[in-house]
Amino acid sequence: MNTQAAKNDRDLARLRRDFTGHRIWRSVRSDGRLGDWVASLHDPNAGVDPTVICSDAAALRDALRKEAERAAARKGLR
């Protein structure tokens, strides 16, 4: 496994560990290569938008943090 693939695997595992209210996965492009980073909401306490799509792991992490804040605000917790 190349270095980038190993980093992507680690990033995916960390996102899944840190954001358990979402199903997190990588899309597959038409050429068979991995594409965007995707999070599908499974726990309404974890977010608002049903699907979040970002171009990289860092952007998805930031977006999921904002989703958690939005969910908390919606419930009047913040």
N, C-alpha and C. Protein backbone atom coordinates (compact mmCIF):
# COMPACT_ATOMS: atom_id res chain seq x y z
N MET A 1 0.85 -1.17 0.00
CA MET A 1 0.00 0.00 0.00
C MET A 1 0.90 1.24 0.00
N ASN A 2 0.56 2.21 -0.85
CA ASN A 2 1.39 3.41 -0.90
C ASN A 2 1.10 4.31 0.30
N THR A 3 1.95 5.29 0.47
CA THR A 3 1.85 6.18 1.62
C THR A 3 0.54 6.95 1.64
N GLN A 4 0.10 7.45 0.48
CA GLN A 4 -1.15 8.22 0.43
C GLN A 4 -2.35 7.34 0.76
N ALA A 5 -2.36 6.13 0.25
CA ALA A 5 -3.46 5.22 0.53
C ALA A 5 -3.51 4.89 2.02
N ALA A 6 -2.36 4.70 2.64
CA ALA A 6 -2.31 4.41 4.08
C ALA A 6 -2.83 5.60 4.87
N LYS A 7 -2.44 6.82 4.47
CA LYS A 7 -2.92 8.03 5.15
C LYS A 7 -4.43 8.15 5.00
N ASN A 8 -4.94 7.90 3.80
CA ASN A 8 -6.39 7.96 3.58
C ASN A 8 -7.12 6.95 4.45
N ASP A 9 -6.58 5.75 4.58
CA ASP A 9 -7.19 4.73 5.43
C ASP A 9 -7.21 5.18 6.89
N ARG A 10 -6.12 5.77 7.35
CA ARG A 10 -6.06 6.27 8.73
C ARG A 10 -7.07 7.41 8.94
N ASP A 11 -7.12 8.32 7.98
CA ASP A 11 -8.07 9.44 8.08
C ASP A 11 -9.50 8.94 8.12
N LEU A 12 -9.82 7.97 7.28
CA LEU A 12 -11.17 7.41 7.26
C LEU A 12 -11.50 6.74 8.59
N ALA A 13 -10.57 5.99 9.13
CA ALA A 13 -10.79 5.33 10.42
C ALA A 13 -11.00 6.36 11.54
N ARG A 14 -10.24 7.43 11.54
CA ARG A 14 -10.38 8.47 12.57
C ARG A 14 -11.73 9.17 12.45
N LEU A 15 -12.12 9.50 11.22
CA LEU A 15 -13.42 10.14 11.04
C LEU A 15 -14.54 9.24 11.53
N ARG A 16 -14.48 7.97 11.20
CA ARG A 16 -15.51 7.03 11.64
C ARG A 16 -15.54 6.91 13.16
N ARG A 17 -14.37 6.95 13.79
CA ARG A 17 -14.28 6.87 15.24
C ARG A 17 -14.85 8.13 15.90
N ASP A 18 -14.54 9.29 15.32
CA ASP A 18 -14.90 10.57 15.94
C ASP A 18 -16.33 11.02 15.65
N PHE A 19 -16.93 10.52 14.57
CA PHE A 19 -18.27 10.96 14.18
C PHE A 19 -19.16 9.75 13.96
N THR A 20 -19.51 9.12 15.05
CA THR A 20 -20.27 7.86 14.99
C THR A 20 -21.72 8.05 14.56
N GLY A 21 -22.21 9.26 14.54
CA GLY A 21 -23.57 9.52 14.09
C GLY A 21 -23.71 9.56 12.59
N HIS A 22 -22.60 9.39 11.90
CA HIS A 22 -22.59 9.39 10.44
C HIS A 22 -21.96 8.11 9.91
N ARG A 23 -22.42 7.69 8.75
CA ARG A 23 -21.74 6.63 8.00
C ARG A 23 -20.79 7.36 7.05
N ILE A 24 -19.50 7.12 7.20
CA ILE A 24 -18.49 7.87 6.46
C ILE A 24 -17.80 6.93 5.47
N TRP A 25 -17.67 7.40 4.24
CA TRP A 25 -17.13 6.58 3.18
C TRP A 25 -16.54 7.44 2.09
N ARG A 26 -15.86 6.81 1.15
CA ARG A 26 -15.31 7.49 -0.03
C ARG A 26 -16.14 7.12 -1.24
N SER A 27 -16.46 8.12 -2.03
CA SER A 27 -17.15 7.83 -3.29
C SER A 27 -16.15 7.23 -4.27
N VAL A 28 -16.68 6.58 -5.29
CA VAL A 28 -15.84 5.99 -6.33
C VAL A 28 -16.18 6.70 -7.64
N ARG A 29 -15.15 7.23 -8.28
CA ARG A 29 -15.33 7.95 -9.54
C ARG A 29 -15.61 6.99 -10.68
N SER A 30 -16.03 7.51 -11.80
CA SER A 30 -16.36 6.66 -12.95
C SER A 30 -15.16 5.90 -13.49
N ASP A 31 -13.94 6.41 -13.18
CA ASP A 31 -12.73 5.71 -13.63
C ASP A 31 -12.24 4.67 -12.61
N GLY A 32 -13.02 4.49 -11.53
CA GLY A 32 -12.68 3.49 -10.53
C GLY A 32 -11.83 4.01 -9.38
N ARG A 33 -11.32 5.21 -9.49
CA ARG A 33 -10.50 5.78 -8.42
C ARG A 33 -11.39 6.36 -7.33
N LEU A 34 -10.82 6.47 -6.12
CA LEU A 34 -11.57 7.07 -5.02
C LEU A 34 -11.78 8.55 -5.27
N GLY A 35 -12.97 9.03 -4.89
CA GLY A 35 -13.33 10.42 -5.09
C GLY A 35 -13.54 11.15 -3.78
N ASP A 36 -14.67 11.84 -3.69
CA ASP A 36 -14.98 12.68 -2.53
C ASP A 36 -15.18 11.87 -1.25
N TRP A 37 -15.09 12.60 -0.16
CA TRP A 37 -15.34 12.05 1.17
C TRP A 37 -16.79 12.37 1.51
N VAL A 38 -17.54 11.35 1.95
CA VAL A 38 -18.98 11.49 2.13
C VAL A 38 -19.37 11.02 3.54
N ALA A 39 -20.31 11.77 4.14
CA ALA A 39 -20.87 11.37 5.42
C ALA A 39 -22.39 11.39 5.31
N SER A 40 -23.02 10.27 5.61
CA SER A 40 -24.47 10.15 5.61
C SER A 40 -24.95 10.13 7.06
N LEU A 41 -25.87 10.99 7.37
CA LEU A 41 -26.37 11.13 8.75
C LEU A 41 -27.22 9.93 9.15
N HIS A 42 -26.92 9.37 10.32
CA HIS A 42 -27.71 8.27 10.88
C HIS A 42 -28.32 8.63 12.22
N ASP A 43 -27.76 9.60 12.89
CA ASP A 43 -28.26 10.03 14.20
C ASP A 43 -28.57 11.52 14.12
N PRO A 44 -29.85 11.91 14.19
CA PRO A 44 -30.20 13.32 14.06
C PRO A 44 -29.58 14.22 15.13
N ASN A 45 -29.09 13.63 16.19
CA ASN A 45 -28.39 14.41 17.20
C ASN A 45 -26.98 14.79 16.76
N ALA A 46 -26.50 14.19 15.68
CA ALA A 46 -25.12 14.41 15.22
C ALA A 46 -25.02 15.43 14.09
N GLY A 47 -26.15 15.82 13.51
CA GLY A 47 -26.09 16.76 12.41
C GLY A 47 -27.46 17.17 11.94
N VAL A 48 -27.48 17.96 10.88
CA VAL A 48 -28.72 18.47 10.31
C VAL A 48 -28.88 17.99 8.87
N ASP A 49 -27.87 18.20 8.04
CA ASP A 49 -27.94 17.81 6.64
C ASP A 49 -27.83 16.28 6.51
N PRO A 50 -28.65 15.68 5.67
CA PRO A 50 -28.62 14.22 5.54
C PRO A 50 -27.33 13.68 4.92
N THR A 51 -26.69 14.49 4.08
CA THR A 51 -25.45 14.06 3.44
C THR A 51 -24.50 15.24 3.37
N VAL A 52 -23.24 15.00 3.70
CA VAL A 52 -22.19 16.01 3.61
C VAL A 52 -21.11 15.44 2.70
N ILE A 53 -20.71 16.21 1.70
CA ILE A 53 -19.70 15.76 0.74
C ILE A 53 -18.59 16.80 0.68
N CYS A 54 -17.35 16.34 0.84
CA CYS A 54 -16.18 17.24 0.80
C CYS A 54 -15.08 16.59 -0.04
N SER A 55 -14.15 17.42 -0.46
CA SER A 55 -13.09 16.92 -1.34
C SER A 55 -11.94 16.24 -0.61
N ASP A 56 -11.83 16.47 0.70
CA ASP A 56 -10.75 15.81 1.45
C ASP A 56 -11.18 15.57 2.89
N ALA A 57 -10.39 14.80 3.60
CA ALA A 57 -10.72 14.40 4.97
C ALA A 57 -10.78 15.58 5.92
N ALA A 58 -9.86 16.52 5.79
CA ALA A 58 -9.84 17.68 6.69
C ALA A 58 -11.10 18.52 6.52
N ALA A 59 -11.51 18.72 5.28
CA ALA A 59 -12.72 19.50 5.03
C ALA A 59 -13.95 18.79 5.57
N LEU A 60 -13.99 17.46 5.44
CA LEU A 60 -15.12 16.71 5.98
C LEU A 60 -15.14 16.80 7.50
N ARG A 61 -13.99 16.71 8.13
CA ARG A 61 -13.92 16.84 9.58
C ARG A 61 -14.48 18.19 10.03
N ASP A 62 -14.06 19.26 9.37
CA ASP A 62 -14.57 20.59 9.71
C ASP A 62 -16.08 20.68 9.50
N ALA A 63 -16.55 20.14 8.39
CA ALA A 63 -17.98 20.18 8.09
C ALA A 63 -18.79 19.39 9.13
N LEU A 64 -18.26 18.26 9.57
CA LEU A 64 -18.99 17.45 10.56
C LEU A 64 -18.98 18.11 11.93
N ARG A 65 -17.94 18.84 12.26
CA ARG A 65 -17.95 19.62 13.51
C ARG A 65 -19.05 20.68 13.46
N LYS A 66 -19.15 21.35 12.31
CA LYS A 66 -20.20 22.37 12.14
C LYS A 66 -21.58 21.73 12.18
N GLU A 67 -21.71 20.56 11.60
CA GLU A 67 -22.98 19.84 11.66
C GLU A 67 -23.37 19.54 13.12
N ALA A 68 -22.41 19.12 13.91
CA ALA A 68 -22.68 18.83 15.33
C ALA A 68 -23.14 20.10 16.05
N GLU A 69 -22.50 21.22 15.75
CA GLU A 69 -22.90 22.50 16.35
C GLU A 69 -24.31 22.89 15.93
N ARG A 70 -24.62 22.70 14.66
CA ARG A 70 -25.96 23.02 14.16
C ARG A 70 -27.02 22.15 14.83
N ALA A 71 -26.71 20.87 15.00
CA ALA A 71 -27.65 19.95 15.63
C ALA A 71 -27.89 20.35 17.09
N ALA A 72 -26.80 20.70 17.76
CA ALA A 72 -26.93 21.13 19.17
C ALA A 72 -27.75 22.42 19.28
N ALA A 73 -27.51 23.36 18.37
CA ALA A 73 -28.25 24.62 18.39
C ALA A 73 -29.73 24.38 18.11
N ARG A 74 -30.01 23.46 17.21
CA ARG A 74 -31.39 23.14 16.87
C ARG A 74 -32.13 22.58 18.08
N LYS A 75 -31.42 21.85 18.90
CA LYS A 75 -32.04 21.26 20.10
C LYS A 75 -31.99 22.21 21.29
N GLY A 76 -31.42 23.42 21.08
CA GLY A 76 -31.35 24.41 22.15
C GLY A 76 -30.28 24.11 23.17
N LEU A 77 -29.26 23.32 22.79
CA LEU A 77 -28.20 22.96 23.72
C LEU A 77 -27.06 23.97 23.72
N ARG A 78 -27.01 24.84 22.70
CA ARG A 78 -25.93 25.85 22.64
C ARG A 78 -26.51 27.20 22.39
